[in-house]
Amino acid sequence: MERTMMSWLRSTLALIVGITVTMHQVAPDFGVVPASLLGLVGTALSIVSYSTAHARFIRSGGGLPNGTRFAQHSSLPLLLLALAAVVGGLCATLFAARMLLM
């Protein structure tokens, strides 16, 4: 697997794990339903981001041979990953607020 795809996978997995663990810690104080919904949104954004990046990788032929130029691609995977990171940041803020209130 190409290094770029491995970095997409690593980034999405890190977001999924971080959001899941944080929501598990925050759920007792902020409610199970809101924490679960926020966790599901972040996880879904991460998964869709990886899926669109993988589809783009497959469409491009799995890499670039020497001497070829980059093809124009959508910024959708990066946008989705950024949104997932924002959700992860919100989760981290909730976790920090919970720790400060204890």
N, C-alpha and C. Protein backbone atom coordinates (compact mmCIF):
# COMPACT_ATOMS: atom_id res chain seq x y z
N MET A 1 0.85 -1.18 0.00
CA MET A 1 0.00 0.00 0.00
C MET A 1 0.90 1.24 0.00
N GLU A 2 0.51 2.21 -0.74
CA GLU A 2 1.30 3.43 -0.85
C GLU A 2 1.28 4.21 0.47
N ARG A 3 2.35 4.98 0.70
CA ARG A 3 2.48 5.72 1.96
C ARG A 3 1.34 6.71 2.17
N THR A 4 0.86 7.33 1.09
CA THR A 4 -0.23 8.28 1.23
C THR A 4 -1.49 7.61 1.76
N MET A 5 -1.79 6.44 1.23
CA MET A 5 -2.98 5.72 1.70
C MET A 5 -2.80 5.26 3.14
N MET A 6 -1.59 4.87 3.48
CA MET A 6 -1.36 4.46 4.87
C MET A 6 -1.52 5.65 5.82
N SER A 7 -1.14 6.85 5.37
CA SER A 7 -1.32 8.02 6.24
C SER A 7 -2.80 8.38 6.37
N TRP A 8 -3.58 8.22 5.29
CA TRP A 8 -5.03 8.44 5.40
C TRP A 8 -5.63 7.45 6.39
N LEU A 9 -5.22 6.20 6.29
CA LEU A 9 -5.75 5.17 7.19
C LEU A 9 -5.35 5.47 8.63
N ARG A 10 -4.09 5.84 8.84
CA ARG A 10 -3.62 6.15 10.19
C ARG A 10 -4.38 7.34 10.79
N SER A 11 -4.60 8.37 9.96
CA SER A 11 -5.30 9.56 10.45
C SER A 11 -6.75 9.25 10.82
N THR A 12 -7.43 8.51 9.96
CA THR A 12 -8.84 8.20 10.24
C THR A 12 -8.96 7.26 11.44
N LEU A 13 -8.07 6.29 11.55
CA LEU A 13 -8.13 5.40 12.70
C LEU A 13 -7.85 6.15 14.01
N ALA A 14 -6.90 7.07 13.97
CA ALA A 14 -6.61 7.85 15.17
C ALA A 14 -7.81 8.69 15.58
N LEU A 15 -8.50 9.29 14.62
CA LEU A 15 -9.69 10.06 14.94
C LEU A 15 -10.80 9.18 15.50
N ILE A 16 -11.00 8.03 14.88
CA ILE A 16 -12.06 7.12 15.35
C ILE A 16 -11.78 6.68 16.78
N VAL A 17 -10.57 6.26 17.06
CA VAL A 17 -10.23 5.80 18.41
C VAL A 17 -10.32 6.95 19.41
N GLY A 18 -9.78 8.10 19.05
CA GLY A 18 -9.82 9.25 19.95
C GLY A 18 -11.23 9.69 20.28
N ILE A 19 -12.08 9.76 19.26
CA ILE A 19 -13.47 10.17 19.47
C ILE A 19 -14.21 9.13 20.31
N THR A 20 -13.99 7.86 20.01
CA THR A 20 -14.69 6.80 20.75
C THR A 20 -14.29 6.78 22.22
N VAL A 21 -13.01 6.87 22.49
CA VAL A 21 -12.55 6.84 23.88
C VAL A 21 -13.04 8.07 24.63
N THR A 22 -12.97 9.22 23.99
CA THR A 22 -13.41 10.45 24.64
C THR A 22 -14.90 10.41 24.94
N MET A 23 -15.69 9.95 24.00
CA MET A 23 -17.14 9.88 24.23
C MET A 23 -17.47 8.87 25.31
N HIS A 24 -16.69 7.81 25.42
CA HIS A 24 -16.91 6.84 26.49
C HIS A 24 -16.67 7.49 27.85
N GLN A 25 -15.70 8.37 27.93
CA GLN A 25 -15.40 9.05 29.18
C GLN A 25 -16.40 10.16 29.51
N VAL A 26 -16.94 10.80 28.47
CA VAL A 26 -17.82 11.96 28.64
C VAL A 26 -19.28 11.55 28.84
N ALA A 27 -19.67 10.40 28.33
CA ALA A 27 -21.07 9.99 28.33
C ALA A 27 -21.75 10.05 29.69
N PRO A 28 -21.12 9.62 30.79
CA PRO A 28 -21.84 9.66 32.07
C PRO A 28 -22.25 11.07 32.50
N ASP A 29 -21.45 12.08 32.17
CA ASP A 29 -21.74 13.44 32.62
C ASP A 29 -22.63 14.23 31.66
N PHE A 30 -22.50 13.98 30.38
CA PHE A 30 -23.24 14.77 29.40
C PHE A 30 -24.41 14.02 28.78
N GLY A 31 -24.61 12.79 29.16
CA GLY A 31 -25.71 12.01 28.65
C GLY A 31 -25.25 11.03 27.58
N VAL A 32 -25.82 9.86 27.63
CA VAL A 32 -25.42 8.82 26.70
C VAL A 32 -25.83 9.16 25.27
N VAL A 33 -27.03 9.66 25.08
CA VAL A 33 -27.52 9.93 23.73
C VAL A 33 -26.72 11.04 23.05
N PRO A 34 -26.51 12.22 23.67
CA PRO A 34 -25.70 13.24 22.99
C PRO A 34 -24.27 12.78 22.72
N ALA A 35 -23.67 12.09 23.67
CA ALA A 35 -22.30 11.61 23.48
C ALA A 35 -22.25 10.57 22.37
N SER A 36 -23.24 9.69 22.33
CA SER A 36 -23.27 8.67 21.28
C SER A 36 -23.46 9.29 19.90
N LEU A 37 -24.36 10.26 19.81
CA LEU A 37 -24.58 10.92 18.52
C LEU A 37 -23.34 11.65 18.04
N LEU A 38 -22.67 12.37 18.94
CA LEU A 38 -21.46 13.07 18.57
C LEU A 38 -20.37 12.09 18.16
N GLY A 39 -20.24 11.00 18.88
CA GLY A 39 -19.27 9.97 18.53
C GLY A 39 -19.56 9.32 17.19
N LEU A 40 -20.84 9.05 16.93
CA LEU A 40 -21.22 8.45 15.65
C LEU A 40 -20.97 9.39 14.48
N VAL A 41 -21.24 10.67 14.67
CA VAL A 41 -20.99 11.65 13.60
C VAL A 41 -19.49 11.71 13.28
N GLY A 42 -18.66 11.80 14.31
CA GLY A 42 -17.22 11.85 14.10
C GLY A 42 -16.68 10.58 13.44
N THR A 43 -17.17 9.44 13.90
CA THR A 43 -16.73 8.17 13.33
C THR A 43 -17.19 8.04 11.88
N ALA A 44 -18.43 8.40 11.60
CA ALA A 44 -18.94 8.32 10.23
C ALA A 44 -18.16 9.24 9.30
N LEU A 45 -17.87 10.46 9.75
CA LEU A 45 -17.08 11.38 8.91
C LEU A 45 -15.70 10.80 8.63
N SER A 46 -15.09 10.19 9.61
CA SER A 46 -13.77 9.60 9.42
C SER A 46 -13.82 8.45 8.41
N ILE A 47 -14.81 7.59 8.55
CA ILE A 47 -14.93 6.44 7.64
C ILE A 47 -15.22 6.89 6.22
N VAL A 48 -16.12 7.84 6.06
CA VAL A 48 -16.45 8.34 4.72
C VAL A 48 -15.24 9.04 4.11
N SER A 49 -14.49 9.76 4.92
CA SER A 49 -13.28 10.42 4.44
C SER A 49 -12.28 9.40 3.91
N TYR A 50 -12.05 8.33 4.66
CA TYR A 50 -11.12 7.31 4.19
C TYR A 50 -11.65 6.63 2.94
N SER A 51 -12.95 6.37 2.90
CA SER A 51 -13.53 5.70 1.73
C SER A 51 -13.38 6.54 0.46
N THR A 52 -13.61 7.84 0.57
CA THR A 52 -13.47 8.70 -0.62
C THR A 52 -12.00 8.83 -1.01
N ALA A 53 -11.10 8.87 -0.04
CA ALA A 53 -9.66 8.92 -0.36
C ALA A 53 -9.22 7.63 -1.03
N HIS A 54 -9.72 6.50 -0.54
CA HIS A 54 -9.38 5.21 -1.14
C HIS A 54 -9.92 5.11 -2.56
N ALA A 55 -11.14 5.56 -2.77
CA ALA A 55 -11.72 5.54 -4.12
C ALA A 55 -10.90 6.42 -5.07
N ARG A 56 -10.44 7.57 -4.58
CA ARG A 56 -9.62 8.45 -5.40
C ARG A 56 -8.28 7.78 -5.73
N PHE A 57 -7.73 7.06 -4.76
CA PHE A 57 -6.48 6.34 -4.98
C PHE A 57 -6.65 5.26 -6.05
N ILE A 58 -7.75 4.53 -5.98
CA ILE A 58 -8.02 3.47 -6.96
C ILE A 58 -8.22 4.07 -8.36
N ARG A 59 -8.97 5.17 -8.43
CA ARG A 59 -9.20 5.82 -9.73
C ARG A 59 -7.90 6.32 -10.36
N SER A 60 -6.97 6.73 -9.53
CA SER A 60 -5.72 7.26 -10.07
C SER A 60 -4.76 6.15 -10.48
N GLY A 61 -5.14 4.92 -10.30
CA GLY A 61 -4.31 3.81 -10.73
C GLY A 61 -3.36 3.30 -9.66
N GLY A 62 -3.56 3.71 -8.44
CA GLY A 62 -2.75 3.21 -7.35
C GLY A 62 -1.39 3.85 -7.23
N GLY A 63 -1.20 4.96 -7.83
CA GLY A 63 0.09 5.64 -7.74
C GLY A 63 0.44 6.28 -9.06
N LEU A 64 1.50 7.02 -9.08
CA LEU A 64 1.90 7.73 -10.29
C LEU A 64 3.19 7.14 -10.83
N PRO A 65 3.17 6.72 -12.11
CA PRO A 65 4.43 6.29 -12.72
C PRO A 65 5.34 7.49 -12.92
N ASN A 66 6.59 7.25 -13.10
CA ASN A 66 7.55 8.34 -13.29
C ASN A 66 7.21 9.18 -14.51
N GLY A 67 7.33 10.48 -14.35
CA GLY A 67 7.12 11.39 -15.47
C GLY A 67 5.69 11.79 -15.72
N THR A 68 4.74 11.37 -14.91
CA THR A 68 3.35 11.77 -15.12
C THR A 68 3.00 12.91 -14.19
N ARG A 69 1.97 13.62 -14.55
CA ARG A 69 1.52 14.76 -13.75
C ARG A 69 0.37 14.32 -12.86
N PHE A 70 0.15 15.07 -11.80
CA PHE A 70 -0.97 14.79 -10.92
C PHE A 70 -2.27 15.09 -11.63
N ALA A 71 -3.24 14.22 -11.45
CA ALA A 71 -4.57 14.47 -11.97
C ALA A 71 -5.34 15.35 -11.00
N GLN A 72 -6.29 16.10 -11.50
CA GLN A 72 -7.12 16.93 -10.64
C GLN A 72 -8.07 16.03 -9.86
N HIS A 73 -8.14 16.25 -8.57
CA HIS A 73 -9.01 15.45 -7.71
C HIS A 73 -9.85 16.36 -6.83
N SER A 74 -10.89 15.78 -6.31
CA SER A 74 -11.77 16.49 -5.40
C SER A 74 -11.09 16.67 -4.03
N SER A 75 -11.45 17.72 -3.35
CA SER A 75 -10.95 17.96 -2.00
C SER A 75 -11.87 17.37 -0.94
N LEU A 76 -12.86 16.61 -1.36
CA LEU A 76 -13.85 16.05 -0.44
C LEU A 76 -13.23 15.22 0.69
N PRO A 77 -12.27 14.31 0.42
CA PRO A 77 -11.70 13.55 1.53
C PRO A 77 -11.06 14.43 2.59
N LEU A 78 -10.35 15.45 2.15
CA LEU A 78 -9.70 16.36 3.10
C LEU A 78 -10.73 17.17 3.89
N LEU A 79 -11.79 17.60 3.23
CA LEU A 79 -12.86 18.33 3.91
C LEU A 79 -13.53 17.46 4.96
N LEU A 80 -13.83 16.21 4.61
CA LEU A 80 -14.48 15.30 5.56
C LEU A 80 -13.56 15.00 6.75
N LEU A 81 -12.27 14.82 6.47
CA LEU A 81 -11.34 14.56 7.56
C LEU A 81 -11.21 15.79 8.46
N ALA A 82 -11.24 16.98 7.87
CA ALA A 82 -11.20 18.20 8.67
C ALA A 82 -12.44 18.32 9.55
N LEU A 83 -13.61 17.98 9.00
CA LEU A 83 -14.84 18.01 9.80
C LEU A 83 -14.77 16.99 10.94
N ALA A 84 -14.22 15.82 10.65
CA ALA A 84 -14.07 14.81 11.70
C ALA A 84 -13.11 15.31 12.78
N ALA A 85 -12.07 16.02 12.37
CA ALA A 85 -11.14 16.59 13.34
C ALA A 85 -11.82 17.65 14.20
N VAL A 86 -12.72 18.42 13.61
CA VAL A 86 -13.48 19.42 14.38
C VAL A 86 -14.36 18.71 15.41
N VAL A 87 -15.01 17.63 14.99
CA VAL A 87 -15.83 16.86 15.94
C VAL A 87 -14.94 16.29 17.04
N GLY A 88 -13.75 15.80 16.65
CA GLY A 88 -12.80 15.31 17.65
C GLY A 88 -12.38 16.40 18.62
N GLY A 89 -12.18 17.60 18.11
CA GLY A 89 -11.85 18.73 18.97
C GLY A 89 -12.97 19.07 19.93
N LEU A 90 -14.20 18.99 19.44
CA LEU A 90 -15.35 19.22 20.31
C LEU A 90 -15.42 18.15 21.39
N CYS A 91 -15.14 16.91 21.02
CA CYS A 91 -15.10 15.82 22.00
C CYS A 91 -14.03 16.09 23.05
N ALA A 92 -12.86 16.53 22.61
CA ALA A 92 -11.77 16.82 23.54
C ALA A 92 -12.13 17.98 24.47
N THR A 93 -12.85 18.98 23.94
CA THR A 93 -13.29 20.10 24.76
C THR A 93 -14.27 19.64 25.83
N LEU A 94 -15.19 18.77 25.44
CA LEU A 94 -16.14 18.21 26.43
C LEU A 94 -15.40 17.42 27.50
N PHE A 95 -14.41 16.66 27.08
CA PHE A 95 -13.63 15.88 28.03
C PHE A 95 -12.87 16.79 28.99
N ALA A 96 -12.27 17.86 28.46
CA ALA A 96 -11.54 18.80 29.30
C ALA A 96 -12.49 19.49 30.28
N ALA A 97 -13.68 19.85 29.80
CA ALA A 97 -14.66 20.48 30.68
C ALA A 97 -15.08 19.52 31.79
N ARG A 98 -15.24 18.27 31.45
CA ARG A 98 -15.61 17.26 32.46
C ARG A 98 -14.51 17.14 33.51
N MET A 99 -13.26 17.12 33.07
CA MET A 99 -12.16 16.98 34.01
C MET A 99 -12.02 18.21 34.91
N LEU A 100 -12.29 19.40 34.37
CA LEU A 100 -12.20 20.61 35.17
C LEU A 100 -13.32 20.72 36.19
N LEU A 101 -14.48 20.16 35.86
CA LEU A 101 -15.63 20.24 36.76
C LEU A 101 -15.58 19.21 37.87
N MET A 102 -14.68 18.26 37.78
CA MET A 102 -14.59 17.21 38.81
C MET A 102 -13.90 17.74 40.04
